[in-house]
Amino acid sequence: AHIAQGVDATSDKEEGAGDQGLMFGYAVNETPELMPAPIQYSHAIL
């Protein structure tokens, strides 16, 4: 309930983030999917 009270929207506040933290996104034009080639082709093989 203590996590829920920070996340749930109420009449008094917007829905909050479920935790603190920092998040990264990345793109590069070396593959058609705009992903780094080493990981993209490693996935494709498997």
All heavy atoms as atom14 arrays in JSON, in Angstrom:
{
  "sequence": "AHIAQGVDATSDKEEGAGDQGLMFGYAVNETPELMPAPIQYSHAIL",
  "atom14_mask": [
    [1, 1, 1, 1, 1, 0, 0, 0, 0, 0, 0, 0, 0, 0],
    [1, 1, 1, 1, 1, 1, 1, 1, 1, 1, 0, 0, 0, 0],
    [1, 1, 1, 1, 1, 1, 1, 1, 0, 0, 0, 0, 0, 0],
    [1, 1, 1, 1, 1, 0, 0, 0, 0, 0, 0, 0, 0, 0],
    [1, 1, 1, 1, 1, 1, 1, 1, 1, 0, 0, 0, 0, 0],
    [1, 1, 1, 1, 0, 0, 0, 0, 0, 0, 0, 0, 0, 0],
    [1, 1, 1, 1, 1, 1, 1, 0, 0, 0, 0, 0, 0, 0],
    [1, 1, 1, 1, 1, 1, 1, 1, 0, 0, 0, 0, 0, 0],
    [1, 1, 1, 1, 1, 0, 0, 0, 0, 0, 0, 0, 0, 0],
    [1, 1, 1, 1, 1, 1, 1, 0, 0, 0, 0, 0, 0, 0],
    [1, 1, 1, 1, 1, 1, 0, 0, 0, 0, 0, 0, 0, 0],
    [1, 1, 1, 1, 1, 1, 1, 1, 0, 0, 0, 0, 0, 0],
    [1, 1, 1, 1, 1, 1, 1, 1, 1, 0, 0, 0, 0, 0],
    [1, 1, 1, 1, 1, 1, 1, 1, 1, 0, 0, 0, 0, 0],
    [1, 1, 1, 1, 1, 1, 1, 1, 1, 0, 0, 0, 0, 0],
    [1, 1, 1, 1, 0, 0, 0, 0, 0, 0, 0, 0, 0, 0],
    [1, 1, 1, 1, 1, 0, 0, 0, 0, 0, 0, 0, 0, 0],
    [1, 1, 1, 1, 0, 0, 0, 0, 0, 0, 0, 0, 0, 0],
    [1, 1, 1, 1, 1, 1, 1, 1, 0, 0, 0, 0, 0, 0],
    [1, 1, 1, 1, 1, 1, 1, 1, 1, 0, 0, 0, 0, 0],
    [1, 1, 1, 1, 0, 0, 0, 0, 0, 0, 0, 0, 0, 0],
    [1, 1, 1, 1, 1, 1, 1, 1, 0, 0, 0, 0, 0, 0],
    [1, 1, 1, 1, 1, 1, 1, 1, 0, 0, 0, 0, 0, 0],
    [1, 1, 1, 1, 1, 1, 1, 1, 1, 1, 1, 0, 0, 0],
    [1, 1, 1, 1, 0, 0, 0, 0, 0, 0, 0, 0, 0, 0],
    [1, 1, 1, 1, 1, 1, 1, 1, 1, 1, 1, 1, 0, 0],
    [1, 1, 1, 1, 1, 0, 0, 0, 0, 0, 0, 0, 0, 0],
    [1, 1, 1, 1, 1, 1, 1, 0, 0, 0, 0, 0, 0, 0],
    [1, 1, 1, 1, 1, 1, 1, 1, 0, 0, 0, 0, 0, 0],
    [1, 1, 1, 1, 1, 1, 1, 1, 1, 0, 0, 0, 0, 0],
    [1, 1, 1, 1, 1, 1, 1, 0, 0, 0, 0, 0, 0, 0],
    [1, 1, 1, 1, 1, 1, 1, 0, 0, 0, 0, 0, 0, 0],
    [1, 1, 1, 1, 1, 1, 1, 1, 1, 0, 0, 0, 0, 0],
    [1, 1, 1, 1, 1, 1, 1, 1, 0, 0, 0, 0, 0, 0],
    [1, 1, 1, 1, 1, 1, 1, 1, 0, 0, 0, 0, 0, 0],
    [1, 1, 1, 1, 1, 1, 1, 0, 0, 0, 0, 0, 0, 0],
    [1, 1, 1, 1, 1, 0, 0, 0, 0, 0, 0, 0, 0, 0],
    [1, 1, 1, 1, 1, 1, 1, 0, 0, 0, 0, 0, 0, 0],
    [1, 1, 1, 1, 1, 1, 1, 1, 0, 0, 0, 0, 0, 0],
    [1, 1, 1, 1, 1, 1, 1, 1, 1, 0, 0, 0, 0, 0],
    [1, 1, 1, 1, 1, 1, 1, 1, 1, 1, 1, 1, 0, 0],
    [1, 1, 1, 1, 1, 1, 0, 0, 0, 0, 0, 0, 0, 0],
    [1, 1, 1, 1, 1, 1, 1, 1, 1, 1, 0, 0, 0, 0],
    [1, 1, 1, 1, 1, 0, 0, 0, 0, 0, 0, 0, 0, 0],
    [1, 1, 1, 1, 1, 1, 1, 1, 0, 0, 0, 0, 0, 0],
    [1, 1, 1, 1, 1, 1, 1, 1, 0, 0, 0, 0, 0, 0]
  ],
  "atom14_positions": [
    [[0.83, -1.21, 0.0], [0.0, 0.0, 0.0], [0.86, 1.25, 0.0], [0.46, 2.3, -0.52], [-0.92, -0.01, 1.22], [0.0, 0.0, 0.0], [0.0, 0.0, 0.0], [0.0, 0.0, 0.0], [0.0, 0.0, 0.0], [0.0, 0.0, 0.0], [0.0, 0.0, 0.0], [0.0, 0.0, 0.0], [0.0, 0.0, 0.0], [0.0, 0.0, 0.0]],
    [[2.06, 1.18, 0.55], [2.93, 2.35, 0.61], [3.53, 2.69, -0.75], [3.82, 3.85, -1.04], [4.03, 2.14, 1.65], [3.53, 2.12, 3.06], [4.3, 1.74, 4.13], [2.3, 2.43, 3.58], [3.6, 1.81, 5.24], [2.38, 2.22, 4.92], [0.0, 0.0, 0.0], [0.0, 0.0, 0.0], [0.0, 0.0, 0.0], [0.0, 0.0, 0.0]],
    [[3.75, 1.66, -1.58], [4.16, 1.92, -2.95], [2.98, 2.44, -3.76], [3.09, 3.43, -4.49], [4.74, 0.64, -3.61], [6.05, 0.24, -2.93], [4.96, 0.85, -5.11], [6.63, -1.06, -3.44], [0.0, 0.0, 0.0], [0.0, 0.0, 0.0], [0.0, 0.0, 0.0], [0.0, 0.0, 0.0], [0.0, 0.0, 0.0], [0.0, 0.0, 0.0]],
    [[1.82, 1.81, -3.58], [0.64, 2.19, -4.34], [0.25, 3.64, -4.1], [-0.18, 4.35, -5.02], [-0.53, 1.27, -3.98], [0.0, 0.0, 0.0], [0.0, 0.0, 0.0], [0.0, 0.0, 0.0], [0.0, 0.0, 0.0], [0.0, 0.0, 0.0], [0.0, 0.0, 0.0], [0.0, 0.0, 0.0], [0.0, 0.0, 0.0], [0.0, 0.0, 0.0]],
    [[0.42, 4.14, -2.86], [0.0, 5.51, -2.57], [0.82, 6.54, -3.34], [0.34, 7.64, -3.62], [0.1, 5.78, -1.06], [1.52, 5.92, -0.53], [1.58, 6.1, 0.98], [0.56, 6.1, 1.66], [2.78, 6.26, 1.51], [0.0, 0.0, 0.0], [0.0, 0.0, 0.0], [0.0, 0.0, 0.0], [0.0, 0.0, 0.0], [0.0, 0.0, 0.0]],
    [[2.04, 6.19, -3.71], [2.86, 7.12, -4.48], [2.6, 7.05, -5.97], [2.83, 8.01, -6.7], [0.0, 0.0, 0.0], [0.0, 0.0, 0.0], [0.0, 0.0, 0.0], [0.0, 0.0, 0.0], [0.0, 0.0, 0.0], [0.0, 0.0, 0.0], [0.0, 0.0, 0.0], [0.0, 0.0, 0.0], [0.0, 0.0, 0.0], [0.0, 0.0, 0.0]],
    [[2.1, 5.9, -6.42], [1.92, 5.67, -7.85], [0.51, 6.04, -8.3], [0.32, 6.64, -9.36], [2.22, 4.2, -8.19], [1.97, 3.93, -9.67], [3.65, 3.85, -7.81], [0.0, 0.0, 0.0], [0.0, 0.0, 0.0], [0.0, 0.0, 0.0], [0.0, 0.0, 0.0], [0.0, 0.0, 0.0], [0.0, 0.0, 0.0], [0.0, 0.0, 0.0]],
    [[-0.5, 5.68, -7.5], [-1.88, 5.84, -7.92], [-2.26, 7.3, -8.07], [-1.88, 8.16, -7.25], [-2.83, 5.18, -6.91], [-2.68, 3.67, -6.89], [-2.11, 3.12, -7.84], [-3.13, 3.05, -5.91], [0.0, 0.0, 0.0], [0.0, 0.0, 0.0], [0.0, 0.0, 0.0], [0.0, 0.0, 0.0], [0.0, 0.0, 0.0], [0.0, 0.0, 0.0]],
    [[-3.03, 7.59, -9.13], [-3.6, 8.93, -9.29], [-4.77, 9.09, -8.34], [-5.51, 8.16, -8.05], [-4.06, 9.13, -10.73], [0.0, 0.0, 0.0], [0.0, 0.0, 0.0], [0.0, 0.0, 0.0], [0.0, 0.0, 0.0], [0.0, 0.0, 0.0], [0.0, 0.0, 0.0], [0.0, 0.0, 0.0], [0.0, 0.0, 0.0], [0.0, 0.0, 0.0]],
    [[-4.96, 10.31, -7.82], [-6.11, 10.64, -6.98], [-6.66, 11.97, -7.46], [-6.15, 12.6, -8.4], [-5.7, 10.76, -5.5], [-4.88, 11.93, -5.34], [-4.94, 9.54, -5.03], [0.0, 0.0, 0.0], [0.0, 0.0, 0.0], [0.0, 0.0, 0.0], [0.0, 0.0, 0.0], [0.0, 0.0, 0.0], [0.0, 0.0, 0.0], [0.0, 0.0, 0.0]],
    [[-7.72, 12.45, -6.79], [-8.29, 13.75, -7.16], [-7.32, 14.88, -6.87], [-7.46, 15.98, -7.4], [-9.6, 13.97, -6.39], [-9.36, 13.91, -4.99], [0.0, 0.0, 0.0], [0.0, 0.0, 0.0], [0.0, 0.0, 0.0], [0.0, 0.0, 0.0], [0.0, 0.0, 0.0], [0.0, 0.0, 0.0], [0.0, 0.0, 0.0], [0.0, 0.0, 0.0]],
    [[-6.33, 14.6, -6.02], [-5.39, 15.65, -5.62], [-4.06, 15.61, -6.36], [-3.27, 16.54, -6.28], [-5.09, 15.53, -4.11], [-6.33, 15.7, -3.27], [-7.15, 16.55, -3.62], [-6.48, 14.95, -2.28], [0.0, 0.0, 0.0], [0.0, 0.0, 0.0], [0.0, 0.0, 0.0], [0.0, 0.0, 0.0], [0.0, 0.0, 0.0], [0.0, 0.0, 0.0]],
    [[-3.76, 14.52, -7.07], [-2.45, 14.44, -7.73], [-2.49, 13.52, -8.94], [-3.36, 12.65, -9.05], [-1.38, 13.95, -6.75], [-1.44, 12.46, -6.42], [-0.25, 12.05, -5.59], [-0.18, 10.54, -5.4], [0.13, 9.83, -6.64], [0.0, 0.0, 0.0], [0.0, 0.0, 0.0], [0.0, 0.0, 0.0], [0.0, 0.0, 0.0], [0.0, 0.0, 0.0]],
    [[-1.53, 13.76, -9.86], [-1.36, 12.89, -11.01], [-0.72, 11.57, -10.58], [-0.09, 11.48, -9.52], [-0.43, 13.55, -12.04], [-0.99, 14.74, -12.76], [-0.01, 15.23, -13.8], [-0.07, 14.74, -14.94], [0.82, 16.09, -13.47], [0.0, 0.0, 0.0], [0.0, 0.0, 0.0], [0.0, 0.0, 0.0], [0.0, 0.0, 0.0], [0.0, 0.0, 0.0]],
    [[-0.88, 10.57, -11.43], [-0.18, 9.31, -11.2], [1.32, 9.56, -11.2], [1.87, 10.22, -12.08], [-0.54, 8.34, -12.32], [0.2, 7.04, -12.28], [-0.07, 6.22, -13.53], [-1.2, 5.77, -13.72], [0.88, 6.06, -14.33], [0.0, 0.0, 0.0], [0.0, 0.0, 0.0], [0.0, 0.0, 0.0], [0.0, 0.0, 0.0], [0.0, 0.0, 0.0]],
    [[2.0, 9.05, -10.17], [3.44, 9.25, -10.07], [4.23, 8.08, -10.62], [3.69, 7.0, -10.89], [0.0, 0.0, 0.0], [0.0, 0.0, 0.0], [0.0, 0.0, 0.0], [0.0, 0.0, 0.0], [0.0, 0.0, 0.0], [0.0, 0.0, 0.0], [0.0, 0.0, 0.0], [0.0, 0.0, 0.0], [0.0, 0.0, 0.0], [0.0, 0.0, 0.0]],
    [[5.54, 8.29, -10.78], [6.42, 7.22, -11.2], [6.49, 6.15, -10.12], [6.41, 6.45, -8.92], [7.82, 7.76, -11.5], [0.0, 0.0, 0.0], [0.0, 0.0, 0.0], [0.0, 0.0, 0.0], [0.0, 0.0, 0.0], [0.0, 0.0, 0.0], [0.0, 0.0, 0.0], [0.0, 0.0, 0.0], [0.0, 0.0, 0.0], [0.0, 0.0, 0.0]],
    [[6.63, 4.9, -10.54], [6.67, 3.79, -9.59], [7.97, 3.66, -8.84], [8.07, 2.89, -7.88], [0.0, 0.0, 0.0], [0.0, 0.0, 0.0], [0.0, 0.0, 0.0], [0.0, 0.0, 0.0], [0.0, 0.0, 0.0], [0.0, 0.0, 0.0], [0.0, 0.0, 0.0], [0.0, 0.0, 0.0], [0.0, 0.0, 0.0], [0.0, 0.0, 0.0]],
    [[8.99, 4.41, -9.23], [10.26, 4.39, -8.52], [11.11, 5.55, -9.04], [10.81, 6.14, -10.09], [10.99, 3.07, -8.76], [12.08, 2.78, -7.71], [12.32, 3.66, -6.86], [12.67, 1.69, -7.76], [0.0, 0.0, 0.0], [0.0, 0.0, 0.0], [0.0, 0.0, 0.0], [0.0, 0.0, 0.0], [0.0, 0.0, 0.0], [0.0, 0.0, 0.0]],
    [[12.14, 5.88, -8.3], [13.11, 6.83, -8.84], [14.01, 6.1, -9.82], [14.04, 4.87, -9.87], [13.95, 7.43, -7.72], [14.94, 6.45, -7.1], [15.8, 7.11, -6.04], [15.3, 7.81, -5.17], [17.1, 6.89, -6.11], [0.0, 0.0, 0.0], [0.0, 0.0, 0.0], [0.0, 0.0, 0.0], [0.0, 0.0, 0.0], [0.0, 0.0, 0.0]],
    [[14.77, 6.86, -10.6], [15.74, 6.23, -11.48], [15.99, 7.03, -12.74], [15.35, 8.06, -13.0], [0.0, 0.0, 0.0], [0.0, 0.0, 0.0], [0.0, 0.0, 0.0], [0.0, 0.0, 0.0], [0.0, 0.0, 0.0], [0.0, 0.0, 0.0], [0.0, 0.0, 0.0], [0.0, 0.0, 0.0], [0.0, 0.0, 0.0], [0.0, 0.0, 0.0]],
    [[16.95, 6.56, -13.51], [17.31, 7.17, -14.77], [17.3, 6.11, -15.85], [17.65, 4.97, -15.61], [18.69, 7.83, -14.7], [19.82, 6.98, -14.12], [21.05, 7.04, -14.99], [20.15, 7.47, -12.71], [0.0, 0.0, 0.0], [0.0, 0.0, 0.0], [0.0, 0.0, 0.0], [0.0, 0.0, 0.0], [0.0, 0.0, 0.0], [0.0, 0.0, 0.0]],
    [[16.82, 6.5, -17.01], [16.64, 5.56, -18.12], [17.24, 6.14, -19.38], [17.16, 7.35, -19.62], [15.15, 5.28, -18.37], [14.43, 4.7, -17.18], [13.92, 6.0, -16.02], [13.81, 5.02, -14.52], [0.0, 0.0, 0.0], [0.0, 0.0, 0.0], [0.0, 0.0, 0.0], [0.0, 0.0, 0.0], [0.0, 0.0, 0.0], [0.0, 0.0, 0.0]],
    [[17.85, 5.28, -20.19], [18.49, 5.7, -21.42], [17.82, 5.07, -22.63], [17.38, 3.92, -22.59], [19.96, 5.3, -21.42], [20.82, 6.09, -20.48], [21.08, 5.62, -19.2], [21.38, 7.29, -20.88], [21.87, 6.34, -18.32], [22.17, 8.03, -20.01], [22.42, 7.56, -18.73], [0.0, 0.0, 0.0], [0.0, 0.0, 0.0], [0.0, 0.0, 0.0]],
    [[17.77, 5.83, -23.72], [17.4, 5.32, -25.02], [18.48, 5.66, -26.02], [19.2, 6.65, -25.86], [0.0, 0.0, 0.0], [0.0, 0.0, 0.0], [0.0, 0.0, 0.0], [0.0, 0.0, 0.0], [0.0, 0.0, 0.0], [0.0, 0.0, 0.0], [0.0, 0.0, 0.0], [0.0, 0.0, 0.0], [0.0, 0.0, 0.0], [0.0, 0.0, 0.0]],
    [[18.59, 4.86, -27.07], [19.7, 5.02, -28.02], [19.25, 4.6, -29.4], [18.41, 3.7, -29.56], [20.88, 4.16, -27.57], [22.11, 4.25, -28.44], [22.93, 5.37, -28.4], [22.48, 3.19, -29.27], [24.08, 5.44, -29.18], [23.63, 3.25, -30.04], [24.43, 4.38, -29.99], [25.56, 4.44, -30.75], [0.0, 0.0, 0.0], [0.0, 0.0, 0.0]],
    [[19.78, 5.26, -30.4], [19.58, 4.85, -31.79], [20.79, 5.28, -32.6], [21.44, 6.29, -32.29], [18.31, 5.47, -32.36], [0.0, 0.0, 0.0], [0.0, 0.0, 0.0], [0.0, 0.0, 0.0], [0.0, 0.0, 0.0], [0.0, 0.0, 0.0], [0.0, 0.0, 0.0], [0.0, 0.0, 0.0], [0.0, 0.0, 0.0], [0.0, 0.0, 0.0]],
    [[21.08, 4.52, -33.66], [22.2, 4.82, -34.53], [21.87, 4.29, -35.92], [21.2, 3.26, -36.06], [23.51, 4.2, -33.99], [23.41, 2.68, -33.91], [24.72, 4.62, -34.79], [0.0, 0.0, 0.0], [0.0, 0.0, 0.0], [0.0, 0.0, 0.0], [0.0, 0.0, 0.0], [0.0, 0.0, 0.0], [0.0, 0.0, 0.0], [0.0, 0.0, 0.0]],
    [[22.32, 4.99, -36.94], [21.88, 4.65, -38.3], [22.78, 3.63, -39.0], [22.98, 3.69, -40.2], [21.74, 5.9, -39.16], [23.06, 6.6, -39.41], [24.1, 6.21, -38.86], [23.04, 7.64, -40.22], [0.0, 0.0, 0.0], [0.0, 0.0, 0.0], [0.0, 0.0, 0.0], [0.0, 0.0, 0.0], [0.0, 0.0, 0.0], [0.0, 0.0, 0.0]],
    [[23.32, 2.66, -38.24], [24.2, 1.66, -38.86], [23.48, 0.37, -39.24], [24.1, -0.52, -39.84], [25.39, 1.37, -37.94], [25.05, 0.78, -36.6], [26.26, 0.72, -35.67], [26.99, 1.73, -35.6], [26.46, -0.32, -35.03], [0.0, 0.0, 0.0], [0.0, 0.0, 0.0], [0.0, 0.0, 0.0], [0.0, 0.0, 0.0], [0.0, 0.0, 0.0]],
    [[22.2, 0.23, -38.9], [21.38, -0.88, -39.36], [20.01, -0.33, -39.75], [19.62, 0.75, -39.3], [21.18, -1.95, -38.27], [20.51, -1.36, -37.15], [22.5, -2.55, -37.82], [0.0, 0.0, 0.0], [0.0, 0.0, 0.0], [0.0, 0.0, 0.0], [0.0, 0.0, 0.0], [0.0, 0.0, 0.0], [0.0, 0.0, 0.0], [0.0, 0.0, 0.0]],
    [[19.23, -1.05, -40.55], [17.89, -0.57, -40.92], [16.99, -0.34, -39.7], [16.11, 0.53, -39.73], [17.35, -1.69, -41.8], [18.55, -2.37, -42.36], [19.59, -2.29, -41.29], [0.0, 0.0, 0.0], [0.0, 0.0, 0.0], [0.0, 0.0, 0.0], [0.0, 0.0, 0.0], [0.0, 0.0, 0.0], [0.0, 0.0, 0.0], [0.0, 0.0, 0.0]],
    [[17.22, -1.09, -38.63], [16.41, -0.95, -37.41], [16.9, 0.19, -36.52], [16.33, 0.42, -35.44], [16.43, -2.26, -36.62], [15.88, -3.45, -37.38], [16.9, -4.12, -38.31], [18.08, -3.69, -38.33], [16.51, -5.06, -39.04], [0.0, 0.0, 0.0], [0.0, 0.0, 0.0], [0.0, 0.0, 0.0], [0.0, 0.0, 0.0], [0.0, 0.0, 0.0]],
    [[17.95, 0.89, -36.96], [18.57, 1.97, -36.19], [19.08, 1.48, -34.84], [18.95, 2.13, -33.81], [17.6, 3.16, -36.03], [17.08, 3.75, -37.35], [16.21, 4.98, -37.07], [18.22, 4.1, -38.31], [0.0, 0.0, 0.0], [0.0, 0.0, 0.0], [0.0, 0.0, 0.0], [0.0, 0.0, 0.0], [0.0, 0.0, 0.0], [0.0, 0.0, 0.0]],
    [[19.68, 0.29, -34.89], [20.3, -0.34, -33.73], [21.78, -0.58, -33.99], [22.21, -0.68, -35.14], [19.63, -1.7, -33.46], [18.27, -1.6, -32.8], [18.37, -1.13, -31.05], [19.04, -2.64, -30.32], [0.0, 0.0, 0.0], [0.0, 0.0, 0.0], [0.0, 0.0, 0.0], [0.0, 0.0, 0.0], [0.0, 0.0, 0.0], [0.0, 0.0, 0.0]],
    [[22.58, -0.7, -32.92], [23.99, -1.08, -33.11], [24.08, -2.45, -33.78], [23.36, -3.39, -33.41], [24.54, -1.11, -31.68], [23.58, -0.3, -30.87], [22.25, -0.47, -31.5], [0.0, 0.0, 0.0], [0.0, 0.0, 0.0], [0.0, 0.0, 0.0], [0.0, 0.0, 0.0], [0.0, 0.0, 0.0], [0.0, 0.0, 0.0], [0.0, 0.0, 0.0]],
    [[24.98, -2.57, -34.75], [25.08, -3.8, -35.52], [25.47, -5.02, -34.68], [24.89, -6.1, -34.87], [26.08, -3.62, -36.66], [0.0, 0.0, 0.0], [0.0, 0.0, 0.0], [0.0, 0.0, 0.0], [0.0, 0.0, 0.0], [0.0, 0.0, 0.0], [0.0, 0.0, 0.0], [0.0, 0.0, 0.0], [0.0, 0.0, 0.0], [0.0, 0.0, 0.0]],
    [[26.42, -4.93, -33.75], [26.83, -6.16, -33.04], [25.68, -6.83, -32.29], [25.53, -8.05, -32.38], [27.92, -5.66, -32.08], [28.48, -4.44, -32.74], [27.3, -3.79, -33.39], [0.0, 0.0, 0.0], [0.0, 0.0, 0.0], [0.0, 0.0, 0.0], [0.0, 0.0, 0.0], [0.0, 0.0, 0.0], [0.0, 0.0, 0.0], [0.0, 0.0, 0.0]],
    [[24.88, -6.08, -31.57], [23.78, -6.69, -30.82], [22.65, -7.11, -31.76], [22.04, -8.17, -31.57], [23.25, -5.74, -29.71], [22.25, -6.46, -28.81], [22.63, -4.48, -30.29], [22.83, -7.57, -27.99], [0.0, 0.0, 0.0], [0.0, 0.0, 0.0], [0.0, 0.0, 0.0], [0.0, 0.0, 0.0], [0.0, 0.0, 0.0], [0.0, 0.0, 0.0]],
    [[22.37, -6.32, -32.79], [21.25, -6.65, -33.68], [21.48, -7.98, -34.4], [20.58, -8.81, -34.49], [21.04, -5.52, -34.69], [19.76, -5.62, -35.49], [18.51, -5.38, -34.67], [18.57, -4.99, -33.51], [17.35, -5.61, -35.26], [0.0, 0.0, 0.0], [0.0, 0.0, 0.0], [0.0, 0.0, 0.0], [0.0, 0.0, 0.0], [0.0, 0.0, 0.0]],
    [[22.69, -8.19, -34.88], [22.97, -9.43, -35.6], [23.2, -10.6, -34.66], [22.91, -11.76, -35.01], [24.12, -9.24, -36.57], [23.77, -8.31, -37.71], [24.42, -7.09, -37.88], [22.75, -8.64, -38.59], [24.07, -6.22, -38.92], [22.39, -7.77, -39.62], [23.05, -6.58, -39.79], [22.69, -5.71, -40.8], [0.0, 0.0, 0.0], [0.0, 0.0, 0.0]],
    [[23.68, -10.33, -33.44], [23.78, -11.41, -32.44], [22.39, -11.95, -32.12], [22.19, -13.17, -32.0], [24.45, -10.88, -31.17], [25.81, -10.58, -31.38], [0.0, 0.0, 0.0], [0.0, 0.0, 0.0], [0.0, 0.0, 0.0], [0.0, 0.0, 0.0], [0.0, 0.0, 0.0], [0.0, 0.0, 0.0], [0.0, 0.0, 0.0], [0.0, 0.0, 0.0]],
    [[21.41, -11.05, -31.96], [20.03, -11.48, -31.76], [19.51, -12.28, -32.95], [18.87, -13.32, -32.79], [19.11, -10.26, -31.58], [19.24, -9.55, -30.28], [19.47, -10.17, -29.08], [19.13, -8.21, -30.0], [19.5, -9.27, -28.11], [19.31, -8.09, -28.64], [0.0, 0.0, 0.0], [0.0, 0.0, 0.0], [0.0, 0.0, 0.0], [0.0, 0.0, 0.0]],
    [[19.78, -11.77, -34.15], [19.22, -12.39, -35.36], [19.69, -13.84, -35.51], [18.91, -14.72, -35.9], [19.61, -11.57, -36.59], [0.0, 0.0, 0.0], [0.0, 0.0, 0.0], [0.0, 0.0, 0.0], [0.0, 0.0, 0.0], [0.0, 0.0, 0.0], [0.0, 0.0, 0.0], [0.0, 0.0, 0.0], [0.0, 0.0, 0.0], [0.0, 0.0, 0.0]],
    [[20.94, -14.09, -35.19], [21.48, -15.45, -35.29], [20.72, -16.4, -34.37], [20.29, -17.48, -34.77], [22.98, -15.45, -34.98], [23.76, -14.78, -36.13], [23.5, -16.86, -34.72], [25.2, -14.45, -35.78], [0.0, 0.0, 0.0], [0.0, 0.0, 0.0], [0.0, 0.0, 0.0], [0.0, 0.0, 0.0], [0.0, 0.0, 0.0], [0.0, 0.0, 0.0]],
    [[20.55, -16.01, -33.12], [19.89, -16.89, -32.16], [18.41, -17.05, -32.46], [17.84, -18.13, -32.25], [20.09, -16.37, -30.74], [21.52, -16.42, -30.21], [21.57, -15.96, -28.77], [22.1, -17.83, -30.33], [0.0, 0.0, 0.0], [0.0, 0.0, 0.0], [0.0, 0.0, 0.0], [0.0, 0.0, 0.0], [0.0, 0.0, 0.0], [0.0, 0.0, 0.0]]
  ]
}
